[in-house]
Amino acid sequence: MTAPVQPILVMMSWRGGERLQRCLDSIARTQLHFKRVVLSITGTEDCDDMHRARAFQQMHPNVEVICTGRELPTLQHQAYWVSYLQDSGVRPGDWIYWLAYDDEVRASGIDRITDASGNWSLQPGTAYFGPWAMRHESPDALYAGPGTEQLESWTSFPAQGPTRLKVAEWIARQLRQPTYMQMSGSICSFATFIGLRDDRPRKRGPMRIEMAAVATPSTTHVEEFPEPVSIIYGRSNSDRASYGRAARREDVHLVMWLGRYAIHHPGALPTLGMGYSHVIANYAKALATRSALPAEEWRVRGSVTP
């Protein structure tokens, strides 16, 4: 019997604590939806995250646990698990479901896109981003509200659609009016992550990673699912809260990265050029008037149940 088309779940954790445990509990409820489950911990072998991951592995022996041995920055940690997957036979065309330790897998959203045999509805050349089911919690305490409470569904696509765009159009829209994006819960080909590790110019920091991820040459479209396949927890002290400002620091790298993409996809150049014309105009206006750059729009498209 042919194995179903399923992504490999890769969860990255750094000092996760109770948030990591919440994430692991969601993986326990959904692991049959994934080809493999890999828990990648950055820290020492005796850190708290590893103790939690090993305990989880004892209950779920098919789960793989890897550890960097010391704390690494985000992209170095990512390069570590990419090399591990390469060494274990993962092919560039295989799919990766990327999950942060402080978020959850949403099983009901996955049920919408899988058939009776467990196949995910995934198209080669497409990167899947969102929508995201959002909850809010404080920096010092986990969400304590009712588990049945409706969740806002956040999107990086136009509020009224379409929900499938060419890479250049999706990126140009982000450059003109930044909207909420999140790597956690995204599904991309493994080739995407190999590119983020190996391609030049080398990407150093995690900001703008979503646009850099889709702008690898093997990707032509960006799409979102009918419903969120992950639950994201927003905190006022997280990178997400200031993403629009911090991400602008990566614009120089992104210009070069998108230039490389346009070499492989010449038809994308006019659209990307228009997107960056808006960026330049916004910078010029901000400098001339001493005003702020456009803030990221956290765009809500309805609500969903957990």
C-alpha atoms as a PDB file:
ATOM      1  CA  MET A   1       0.000   0.000   0.000  1.00  0.00           C
ATOM      2  CA  THR A   2       1.277   3.458  -0.905  1.00  0.00           C
ATOM      3  CA  ALA A   3       2.002   5.674   2.097  1.00  0.00           C
ATOM      4  CA  PRO A   4      -0.238   8.751   2.320  1.00  0.00           C
ATOM      5  CA  VAL A   5       1.103  12.174   1.397  1.00  0.00           C
ATOM      6  CA  GLN A   6       1.845  13.738   4.767  1.00  0.00           C
ATOM      7  CA  PRO A   7       4.267  16.412   6.002  1.00  0.00           C
ATOM      8  CA  ILE A   8       7.010  15.838   8.537  1.00  0.00           C
ATOM      9  CA  LEU A   9       6.304  17.830  11.684  1.00  0.00           C
ATOM     10  CA  VAL A  10       9.393  19.646  12.971  1.00  0.00           C
ATOM     11  CA  MET A  11       9.025  21.415  16.305  1.00  0.00           C
ATOM     12  CA  MET A  12      11.773  23.815  17.389  1.00  0.00           C
ATOM     13  CA  SER A  13      12.128  24.640  21.078  1.00  0.00           C
ATOM     14  CA  TRP A  14      14.244  27.033  23.117  1.00  0.00           C
ATOM     15  CA  ARG A  15      13.569  27.344  26.863  1.00  0.00           C
ATOM     16  CA  GLY A  16       9.998  26.270  26.226  1.00  0.00           C
ATOM     17  CA  GLY A  17       8.945  25.172  29.699  1.00  0.00           C
ATOM     18  CA  GLU A  18       5.185  24.874  30.178  1.00  0.00           C
ATOM     19  CA  ARG A  19       4.550  26.282  26.711  1.00  0.00           C
ATOM     20  CA  LEU A  20       6.547  23.413  25.261  1.00  0.00           C
ATOM     21  CA  GLN A  21       4.460  20.954  27.261  1.00  0.00           C
ATOM     22  CA  ARG A  22       1.263  22.466  25.862  1.00  0.00           C
ATOM     23  CA  CYS A  23       2.687  22.088  22.360  1.00  0.00           C
ATOM     24  CA  LEU A  24       3.662  18.463  22.992  1.00  0.00           C
ATOM     25  CA  ASP A  25       0.154  17.687  24.237  1.00  0.00           C
ATOM     26  CA  SER A  26      -1.256  18.956  20.926  1.00  0.00           C
ATOM     27  CA  ILE A  27       1.234  16.834  18.980  1.00  0.00           C
ATOM     28  CA  ALA A  28       0.162  13.762  20.952  1.00  0.00           C
ATOM     29  CA  ARG A  29      -3.417  14.298  19.752  1.00  0.00           C
ATOM     30  CA  THR A  30      -2.429  14.750  16.096  1.00  0.00           C
ATOM     31  CA  GLN A  31       0.741  12.768  15.381  1.00  0.00           C
ATOM     32  CA  LEU A  32      -1.019  10.279  13.088  1.00  0.00           C
ATOM     33  CA  HIS A  33      -1.492  13.165  10.619  1.00  0.00           C
ATOM     34  CA  PHE A  34       2.283  13.354  10.085  1.00  0.00           C
ATOM     35  CA  LYS A  35       4.818  11.188   8.286  1.00  0.00           C
ATOM     36  CA  ARG A  36       7.354  11.781  11.056  1.00  0.00           C
ATOM     37  CA  VAL A  37       7.522  13.916  14.186  1.00  0.00           C
ATOM     38  CA  VAL A  38      10.871  15.511  15.034  1.00  0.00           C
ATOM     39  CA  LEU A  39      11.413  17.504  18.226  1.00  0.00           C
ATOM     40  CA  SER A  40      14.484  19.698  17.837  1.00  0.00           C
ATOM     41  CA  ILE A  41      15.802  21.193  21.082  1.00  0.00           C
ATOM     42  CA  THR A  42      18.469  23.867  21.272  1.00  0.00           C
ATOM     43  CA  GLY A  43      20.240  23.653  24.603  1.00  0.00           C
ATOM     44  CA  THR A  44      22.250  21.163  26.587  1.00  0.00           C
ATOM     45  CA  GLU A  45      21.336  17.502  26.873  1.00  0.00           C
ATOM     46  CA  ASP A  46      20.262  17.991  30.497  1.00  0.00           C
ATOM     47  CA  CYS A  47      18.101  21.102  29.973  1.00  0.00           C
ATOM     48  CA  ASP A  48      14.438  21.170  30.989  1.00  0.00           C
ATOM     49  CA  ASP A  49      13.229  21.053  27.375  1.00  0.00           C
ATOM     50  CA  MET A  50      15.149  17.823  26.779  1.00  0.00           C
ATOM     51  CA  HIS A  51      13.688  16.237  29.897  1.00  0.00           C
ATOM     52  CA  ARG A  52      10.193  17.064  28.631  1.00  0.00           C
ATOM     53  CA  ALA A  53      10.992  15.852  25.111  1.00  0.00           C
ATOM     54  CA  ARG A  54      12.482  12.569  26.342  1.00  0.00           C
ATOM     55  CA  ALA A  55       9.488  11.947  28.604  1.00  0.00           C
ATOM     56  CA  PHE A  56       7.207  12.556  25.615  1.00  0.00           C
ATOM     57  CA  GLN A  57       9.285  10.184  23.500  1.00  0.00           C
ATOM     58  CA  GLN A  58       8.904   7.450  26.116  1.00  0.00           C
ATOM     59  CA  MET A  59       5.129   7.715  25.741  1.00  0.00           C
ATOM     60  CA  HIS A  60       5.354   8.005  21.933  1.00  0.00           C
ATOM     61  CA  PRO A  61       8.364   5.914  20.778  1.00  0.00           C
ATOM     62  CA  ASN A  62       8.008   6.869  17.096  1.00  0.00           C
ATOM     63  CA  VAL A  63       8.788  10.503  17.924  1.00  0.00           C
ATOM     64  CA  GLU A  64      12.376  11.580  17.167  1.00  0.00           C
ATOM     65  CA  VAL A  65      14.225  13.865  19.583  1.00  0.00           C
ATOM     66  CA  ILE A  66      17.398  15.709  18.583  1.00  0.00           C
ATOM     67  CA  CYS A  67      19.455  18.247  20.517  1.00  0.00           C
ATOM     68  CA  THR A  68      22.034  20.808  19.435  1.00  0.00           C
ATOM     69  CA  GLY A  69      24.037  20.340  22.666  1.00  0.00           C
ATOM     70  CA  ARG A  70      24.196  24.094  23.219  1.00  0.00           C
ATOM     71  CA  GLU A  71      21.909  27.046  22.621  1.00  0.00           C
ATOM     72  CA  LEU A  72      22.001  28.315  19.039  1.00  0.00           C
ATOM     73  CA  PRO A  73      20.383  31.297  17.280  1.00  0.00           C
ATOM     74  CA  THR A  74      17.213  30.473  15.333  1.00  0.00           C
ATOM     75  CA  LEU A  75      18.701  29.964  11.871  1.00  0.00           C
ATOM     76  CA  GLN A  76      21.655  27.948  13.162  1.00  0.00           C
ATOM     77  CA  HIS A  77      19.203  25.763  15.067  1.00  0.00           C
ATOM     78  CA  GLN A  78      17.185  25.382  11.882  1.00  0.00           C
ATOM     79  CA  ALA A  79      20.289  24.414   9.904  1.00  0.00           C
ATOM     80  CA  TYR A  80      20.953  21.730  12.517  1.00  0.00           C
ATOM     81  CA  TRP A  81      17.646  19.928  12.004  1.00  0.00           C
ATOM     82  CA  VAL A  82      17.806  20.421   8.229  1.00  0.00           C
ATOM     83  CA  SER A  83      21.113  18.518   8.196  1.00  0.00           C
ATOM     84  CA  TYR A  84      19.602  15.833  10.418  1.00  0.00           C
ATOM     85  CA  LEU A  85      16.687  15.330   8.042  1.00  0.00           C
ATOM     86  CA  GLN A  86      18.986  15.249   5.010  1.00  0.00           C
ATOM     87  CA  ASP A  87      21.114  12.589   6.659  1.00  0.00           C
ATOM     88  CA  SER A  88      17.986  10.541   7.420  1.00  0.00           C
ATOM     89  CA  GLY A  89      16.864  10.427   3.790  1.00  0.00           C
ATOM     90  CA  VAL A  90      14.364  13.282   3.497  1.00  0.00           C
ATOM     91  CA  ARG A  91      14.077  14.453  -0.119  1.00  0.00           C
ATOM     92  CA  PRO A  92      13.779  18.062  -1.333  1.00  0.00           C
ATOM     93  CA  GLY A  93      10.192  17.462  -2.471  1.00  0.00           C
ATOM     94  CA  ASP A  94       9.029  16.186   0.925  1.00  0.00           C
ATOM     95  CA  TRP A  95       6.853  18.468   3.026  1.00  0.00           C
ATOM     96  CA  ILE A  96       7.705  20.110   6.366  1.00  0.00           C
ATOM     97  CA  TYR A  97       5.125  21.344   8.878  1.00  0.00           C
ATOM     98  CA  TRP A  98       7.107  23.883  10.928  1.00  0.00           C
ATOM     99  CA  LEU A  99       5.906  24.373  14.510  1.00  0.00           C
ATOM    100  CA  ALA A 100       7.143  26.666  17.271  1.00  0.00           C
ATOM    101  CA  TYR A 101       7.251  25.325  20.815  1.00  0.00           C
ATOM    102  CA  ASP A 102       4.750  27.893  22.112  1.00  0.00           C
ATOM    103  CA  ASP A 103       1.969  27.060  19.623  1.00  0.00           C
ATOM    104  CA  GLU A 104      -0.305  24.100  18.990  1.00  0.00           C
ATOM    105  CA  VAL A 105      -1.385  21.826  16.158  1.00  0.00           C
ATOM    106  CA  ARG A 106      -5.094  22.276  15.323  1.00  0.00           C
ATOM    107  CA  ALA A 107      -6.526  18.873  14.413  1.00  0.00           C
ATOM    108  CA  SER A 108      -9.916  20.091  13.192  1.00  0.00           C
ATOM    109  CA  GLY A 109      -8.246  22.263  10.544  1.00  0.00           C
ATOM    110  CA  ILE A 110      -6.154  19.339   9.324  1.00  0.00           C
ATOM    111  CA  ASP A 111      -9.308  17.219   9.021  1.00  0.00           C
ATOM    112  CA  ARG A 112     -10.599  19.717   6.439  1.00  0.00           C
ATOM    113  CA  ILE A 113      -7.699  19.101   4.064  1.00  0.00           C
ATOM    114  CA  THR A 114      -7.062  15.354   4.409  1.00  0.00           C
ATOM    115  CA  ASP A 115      -8.904  12.525   2.694  1.00  0.00           C
ATOM    116  CA  ALA A 116     -10.033   9.184   4.081  1.00  0.00           C
ATOM    117  CA  SER A 117      -6.585   7.691   3.435  1.00  0.00           C
ATOM    118  CA  GLY A 118      -4.806  10.458   5.354  1.00  0.00           C
ATOM    119  CA  ASN A 119      -3.481  12.328   2.301  1.00  0.00           C
ATOM    120  CA  TRP A 120      -2.971  16.053   2.735  1.00  0.00           C
ATOM    121  CA  SER A 121      -4.120  18.252  -0.140  1.00  0.00           C
ATOM    122  CA  LEU A 122      -0.721  19.732  -1.090  1.00  0.00           C
ATOM    123  CA  GLN A 123       0.476  20.917  -4.497  1.00  0.00           C
ATOM    124  CA  PRO A 124       4.151  20.887  -5.544  1.00  0.00           C
ATOM    125  CA  GLY A 125       5.588  24.369  -6.009  1.00  0.00           C
ATOM    126  CA  THR A 126       3.248  25.842  -3.387  1.00  0.00           C
ATOM    127  CA  ALA A 127       4.029  27.148   0.104  1.00  0.00           C
ATOM    128  CA  TYR A 128       1.157  27.145   2.604  1.00  0.00           C
ATOM    129  CA  PHE A 129       0.873  29.998   5.090  1.00  0.00           C
ATOM    130  CA  GLY A 130      -2.137  30.348   7.347  1.00  0.00           C
ATOM    131  CA  PRO A 131      -4.690  31.220   8.221  1.00  0.00           C
ATOM    132  CA  TRP A 132      -3.778  31.142  11.916  1.00  0.00           C
ATOM    133  CA  ALA A 133      -6.119  30.615  14.835  1.00  0.00           C
ATOM    134  CA  MET A 134      -5.104  33.219  17.401  1.00  0.00           C
ATOM    135  CA  ARG A 135      -5.206  33.299  21.184  1.00  0.00           C
ATOM    136  CA  HIS A 136      -3.691  35.954  23.408  1.00  0.00           C
ATOM    137  CA  GLU A 137      -1.883  35.351  26.669  1.00  0.00           C
ATOM    138  CA  SER A 138       0.329  37.338  29.002  1.00  0.00           C
ATOM    139  CA  PRO A 139       4.120  37.087  28.947  1.00  0.00           C
ATOM    140  CA  ASP A 140       4.178  35.503  32.410  1.00  0.00           C
ATOM    141  CA  ALA A 141       1.240  33.107  32.308  1.00  0.00           C
ATOM    142  CA  LEU A 142      -0.252  30.598  29.901  1.00  0.00           C
ATOM    143  CA  TYR A 143      -3.697  31.087  28.431  1.00  0.00           C
ATOM    144  CA  ALA A 144      -6.203  30.091  31.121  1.00  0.00           C
ATOM    145  CA  GLY A 145      -9.477  30.770  29.324  1.00  0.00           C
ATOM    146  CA  PRO A 146     -12.005  28.141  28.249  1.00  0.00           C
ATOM    147  CA  GLY A 147     -10.664  25.670  25.714  1.00  0.00           C
ATOM    148  CA  THR A 148     -13.926  25.871  23.767  1.00  0.00           C
ATOM    149  CA  GLU A 149     -13.746  29.626  23.178  1.00  0.00           C
ATOM    150  CA  GLN A 150     -13.963  30.787  19.550  1.00  0.00           C
ATOM    151  CA  LEU A 151     -10.655  31.781  17.945  1.00  0.00           C
ATOM    152  CA  GLU A 152     -10.007  34.642  15.569  1.00  0.00           C
ATOM    153  CA  SER A 153      -8.767  33.487  12.158  1.00  0.00           C
ATOM    154  CA  TRP A 154      -5.884  35.742  11.049  1.00  0.00           C
ATOM    155  CA  THR A 155      -4.712  35.940   7.453  1.00  0.00           C
ATOM    156  CA  SER A 156      -1.939  37.415   5.308  1.00  0.00           C
ATOM    157  CA  PHE A 157      -4.156  37.259   2.211  1.00  0.00           C
ATOM    158  CA  PRO A 158      -6.810  39.791   1.121  1.00  0.00           C
ATOM    159  CA  ALA A 159      -9.756  39.701   3.506  1.00  0.00           C
ATOM    160  CA  GLN A 160     -12.144  38.764   0.700  1.00  0.00           C
ATOM    161  CA  GLY A 161      -9.674  36.524  -1.160  1.00  0.00           C
ATOM    162  CA  PRO A 162      -8.131  35.194  -3.276  1.00  0.00           C
ATOM    163  CA  THR A 163      -6.412  32.641  -1.043  1.00  0.00           C
ATOM    164  CA  ARG A 164      -3.875  31.529  -3.661  1.00  0.00           C
ATOM    165  CA  LEU A 165      -1.376  33.987  -5.153  1.00  0.00           C
ATOM    166  CA  LYS A 166       1.824  33.884  -7.138  1.00  0.00           C
ATOM    167  CA  VAL A 167       4.871  34.344  -4.930  1.00  0.00           C
ATOM    168  CA  ALA A 168       5.615  37.812  -6.344  1.00  0.00           C
ATOM    169  CA  GLU A 169       2.052  39.042  -5.800  1.00  0.00           C
ATOM    170  CA  TRP A 170       1.901  37.748  -2.220  1.00  0.00           C
ATOM    171  CA  ILE A 171       5.237  39.367  -1.364  1.00  0.00           C
ATOM    172  CA  ALA A 172       4.367  42.633  -3.120  1.00  0.00           C
ATOM    173  CA  ARG A 173       1.200  42.879  -1.038  1.00  0.00           C
ATOM    174  CA  GLN A 174       3.238  42.365   2.128  1.00  0.00           C
ATOM    175  CA  LEU A 175       5.661  45.079   1.101  1.00  0.00           C
ATOM    176  CA  ARG A 176       2.864  47.556   0.328  1.00  0.00           C
ATOM    177  CA  GLN A 177       0.873  46.870   3.499  1.00  0.00           C
ATOM    178  CA  PRO A 178       2.474  44.420   5.928  1.00  0.00           C
ATOM    179  CA  THR A 179      -0.002  41.862   7.217  1.00  0.00           C
ATOM    180  CA  TYR A 180       0.334  39.230   9.894  1.00  0.00           C
ATOM    181  CA  MET A 181       2.557  36.309   8.903  1.00  0.00           C
ATOM    182  CA  GLN A 182       3.802  33.397  10.957  1.00  0.00           C
ATOM    183  CA  MET A 183       6.153  30.562  10.139  1.00  0.00           C
ATOM    184  CA  SER A 184       4.636  28.363  12.836  1.00  0.00           C
ATOM    185  CA  GLY A 185       2.037  26.101  11.278  1.00  0.00           C
ATOM    186  CA  SER A 186       3.284  26.735   7.737  1.00  0.00           C
ATOM    187  CA  ILE A 187       3.918  23.896   5.293  1.00  0.00           C
ATOM    188  CA  CYS A 188       6.717  24.193   2.749  1.00  0.00           C
ATOM    189  CA  SER A 189       8.848  21.781   0.776  1.00  0.00           C
ATOM    190  CA  PHE A 190      12.057  20.581   2.374  1.00  0.00           C
ATOM    191  CA  ALA A 191      13.858  22.267  -0.534  1.00  0.00           C
ATOM    192  CA  THR A 192      12.736  25.570   0.978  1.00  0.00           C
ATOM    193  CA  PHE A 193      14.630  24.943   4.197  1.00  0.00           C
ATOM    194  CA  ILE A 194      17.696  23.631   2.384  1.00  0.00           C
ATOM    195  CA  GLY A 195      17.691  26.925   0.455  1.00  0.00           C
ATOM    196  CA  LEU A 196      17.404  29.000   3.618  1.00  0.00           C
ATOM    197  CA  ARG A 197      20.455  27.190   4.954  1.00  0.00           C
ATOM    198  CA  ASP A 198      22.635  27.087   1.840  1.00  0.00           C
ATOM    199  CA  ASP A 199      21.684  29.809  -0.639  1.00  0.00           C
ATOM    200  CA  ARG A 200      23.468  33.136  -0.967  1.00  0.00           C
ATOM    201  CA  PRO A 201      23.300  35.803   0.247  1.00  0.00           C
ATOM    202  CA  ARG A 202      23.207  33.955   3.571  1.00  0.00           C
ATOM    203  CA  LYS A 203      20.237  34.779   5.762  1.00  0.00           C
ATOM    204  CA  ARG A 204      21.412  35.609   9.287  1.00  0.00           C
ATOM    205  CA  GLY A 205      18.289  36.395  11.315  1.00  0.00           C
ATOM    206  CA  PRO A 206      14.703  35.104  11.549  1.00  0.00           C
ATOM    207  CA  MET A 207      12.877  38.280  10.551  1.00  0.00           C
ATOM    208  CA  ARG A 208      11.435  38.297   7.029  1.00  0.00           C
ATOM    209  CA  ILE A 209      11.893  34.529   7.072  1.00  0.00           C
ATOM    210  CA  GLU A 210       8.390  33.905   5.722  1.00  0.00           C
ATOM    211  CA  MET A 211       8.987  35.927   2.572  1.00  0.00           C
ATOM    212  CA  ALA A 212      12.513  34.548   2.217  1.00  0.00           C
ATOM    213  CA  ALA A 213      11.103  31.021   2.543  1.00  0.00           C
ATOM    214  CA  VAL A 214       8.591  31.362  -0.270  1.00  0.00           C
ATOM    215  CA  ALA A 215      11.125  33.126  -2.496  1.00  0.00           C
ATOM    216  CA  THR A 216      13.218  30.027  -3.038  1.00  0.00           C
ATOM    217  CA  PRO A 217      13.335  29.130  -6.753  1.00  0.00           C
ATOM    218  CA  SER A 218      11.294  25.930  -6.435  1.00  0.00           C
ATOM    219  CA  THR A 219       8.215  27.801  -5.149  1.00  0.00           C
ATOM    220  CA  THR A 220       5.806  29.537  -7.522  1.00  0.00           C
ATOM    221  CA  HIS A 221       2.655  30.076  -5.406  1.00  0.00           C
ATOM    222  CA  VAL A 222       1.582  30.834  -1.859  1.00  0.00           C
ATOM    223  CA  GLU A 223      -1.739  29.537  -0.581  1.00  0.00           C
ATOM    224  CA  GLU A 224      -3.652  29.341   2.657  1.00  0.00           C
ATOM    225  CA  PHE A 225      -5.829  26.489   3.864  1.00  0.00           C
ATOM    226  CA  PRO A 226      -9.632  26.640   4.318  1.00  0.00           C
ATOM    227  CA  GLU A 227      -9.090  26.757   8.092  1.00  0.00           C
ATOM    228  CA  PRO A 228      -6.113  27.190  10.432  1.00  0.00           C
ATOM    229  CA  VAL A 229      -3.999  24.086  11.004  1.00  0.00           C
ATOM    230  CA  SER A 230      -2.273  25.660  14.000  1.00  0.00           C
ATOM    231  CA  ILE A 231      -3.180  27.763  17.035  1.00  0.00           C
ATOM    232  CA  ILE A 232      -0.838  30.692  17.640  1.00  0.00           C
ATOM    233  CA  TYR A 233      -0.400  32.288  21.062  1.00  0.00           C
ATOM    234  CA  GLY A 234       0.374  35.997  20.926  1.00  0.00           C
ATOM    235  CA  ARG A 235       2.156  37.752  23.787  1.00  0.00           C
ATOM    236  CA  SER A 236       2.860  41.431  24.172  1.00  0.00           C
ATOM    237  CA  ASN A 237       6.600  40.824  24.626  1.00  0.00           C
ATOM    238  CA  SER A 238       7.036  38.484  21.648  1.00  0.00           C
ATOM    239  CA  ASP A 239       8.695  39.227  18.311  1.00  0.00           C
ATOM    240  CA  ARG A 240       5.280  39.020  16.694  1.00  0.00           C
ATOM    241  CA  ALA A 241       4.078  42.098  18.522  1.00  0.00           C
ATOM    242  CA  SER A 242       6.750  44.234  16.845  1.00  0.00           C
ATOM    243  CA  TYR A 243       7.207  42.219  13.663  1.00  0.00           C
ATOM    244  CA  GLY A 244       6.416  45.070  11.294  1.00  0.00           C
ATOM    245  CA  ARG A 245       9.200  47.255  12.742  1.00  0.00           C
ATOM    246  CA  ALA A 246      11.846  44.602  13.277  1.00  0.00           C
ATOM    247  CA  ALA A 247      11.267  42.944   9.921  1.00  0.00           C
ATOM    248  CA  ARG A 248      12.188  46.147   8.070  1.00  0.00           C
ATOM    249  CA  ARG A 249      15.771  45.652   9.214  1.00  0.00           C
ATOM    250  CA  GLU A 250      15.946  42.634   6.921  1.00  0.00           C
ATOM    251  CA  ASP A 251      14.879  44.595   3.846  1.00  0.00           C
ATOM    252  CA  VAL A 252      18.410  44.812   2.434  1.00  0.00           C
ATOM    253  CA  HIS A 253      18.815  41.056   2.524  1.00  0.00           C
ATOM    254  CA  LEU A 254      15.350  40.577   1.079  1.00  0.00           C
ATOM    255  CA  VAL A 255      16.110  42.844  -1.903  1.00  0.00           C
ATOM    256  CA  MET A 256      19.050  40.632  -2.855  1.00  0.00           C
ATOM    257  CA  TRP A 257      17.111  37.437  -2.156  1.00  0.00           C
ATOM    258  CA  LEU A 258      14.183  38.548  -4.325  1.00  0.00           C
ATOM    259  CA  GLY A 259      16.598  39.633  -7.041  1.00  0.00           C
ATOM    260  CA  ARG A 260      17.879  36.086  -7.144  1.00  0.00           C
ATOM    261  CA  TYR A 261      14.285  34.806  -7.302  1.00  0.00           C
ATOM    262  CA  ALA A 262      13.581  37.098 -10.273  1.00  0.00           C
ATOM    263  CA  ILE A 263      16.552  35.631 -12.141  1.00  0.00           C
ATOM    264  CA  HIS A 264      14.835  32.245 -11.946  1.00  0.00           C
ATOM    265  CA  HIS A 265      11.352  33.718 -12.519  1.00  0.00           C
ATOM    266  CA  PRO A 266      11.772  36.808 -14.765  1.00  0.00           C
ATOM    267  CA  GLY A 267       8.020  37.365 -14.931  1.00  0.00           C
ATOM    268  CA  ALA A 268       8.025  38.197 -11.211  1.00  0.00           C
ATOM    269  CA  LEU A 269      10.288  41.233 -11.627  1.00  0.00           C
ATOM    270  CA  PRO A 270       7.651  43.908 -12.491  1.00  0.00           C
ATOM    271  CA  THR A 271       5.408  42.881  -9.591  1.00  0.00           C
ATOM    272  CA  LEU A 272       8.276  42.802  -7.102  1.00  0.00           C
ATOM    273  CA  GLY A 273       9.531  46.128  -8.446  1.00  0.00           C
ATOM    274  CA  MET A 274       6.154  47.750  -7.802  1.00  0.00           C
ATOM    275  CA  GLY A 275       6.129  46.325  -4.303  1.00  0.00           C
ATOM    276  CA  TYR A 276       9.517  47.825  -3.535  1.00  0.00           C
ATOM    277  CA  SER A 277       8.544  51.162  -5.044  1.00  0.00           C
ATOM    278  CA  HIS A 278       5.993  51.402  -2.244  1.00  0.00           C
ATOM    279  CA  VAL A 279       8.670  50.514   0.319  1.00  0.00           C
ATOM    280  CA  ILE A 280      10.935  53.287  -0.981  1.00  0.00           C
ATOM    281  CA  ALA A 281       8.059  55.763  -0.984  1.00  0.00           C
ATOM    282  CA  ASN A 282       7.168  54.835   2.589  1.00  0.00           C
ATOM    283  CA  TYR A 283      10.762  55.278   3.736  1.00  0.00           C
ATOM    284  CA  ALA A 284      10.979  58.650   1.993  1.00  0.00           C
ATOM    285  CA  LYS A 285       7.720  59.822   3.573  1.00  0.00           C
ATOM    286  CA  ALA A 286       8.794  58.652   7.017  1.00  0.00           C
ATOM    287  CA  LEU A 287      12.111  60.495   6.742  1.00  0.00           C
ATOM    288  CA  ALA A 288      10.554  63.661   5.366  1.00  0.00           C
ATOM    289  CA  THR A 289       7.741  63.870   7.906  1.00  0.00           C
ATOM    290  CA  ARG A 290       9.429  62.046  10.800  1.00  0.00           C
ATOM    291  CA  SER A 291       6.488  59.683  10.868  1.00  0.00           C
ATOM    292  CA  ALA A 292       6.369  55.935  11.413  1.00  0.00           C
ATOM    293  CA  LEU A 293       6.548  53.320   8.705  1.00  0.00           C
ATOM    294  CA  PRO A 294       3.271  51.474   8.023  1.00  0.00           C
ATOM    295  CA  ALA A 295       2.402  49.212  10.931  1.00  0.00           C
ATOM    296  CA  GLU A 296       1.691  45.564  10.384  1.00  0.00           C
ATOM    297  CA  GLU A 297      -2.012  44.897   9.896  1.00  0.00           C
ATOM    298  CA  TRP A 298      -3.309  41.992  11.944  1.00  0.00           C
ATOM    299  CA  ARG A 299      -6.069  41.071   9.555  1.00  0.00           C
ATOM    300  CA  VAL A 300      -8.931  38.952  10.882  1.00  0.00           C
ATOM    301  CA  ARG A 301     -11.122  36.823   8.645  1.00  0.00           C
ATOM    302  CA  GLY A 302     -13.902  35.505  10.867  1.00  0.00           C
ATOM    303  CA  SER A 303     -13.589  33.011  13.695  1.00  0.00           C
ATOM    304  CA  VAL A 304     -13.225  29.263  14.154  1.00  0.00           C
ATOM    305  CA  THR A 305     -13.775  26.734  16.929  1.00  0.00           C
ATOM    306  CA  PRO A 306     -10.730  25.116  18.556  1.00  0.00           C
END
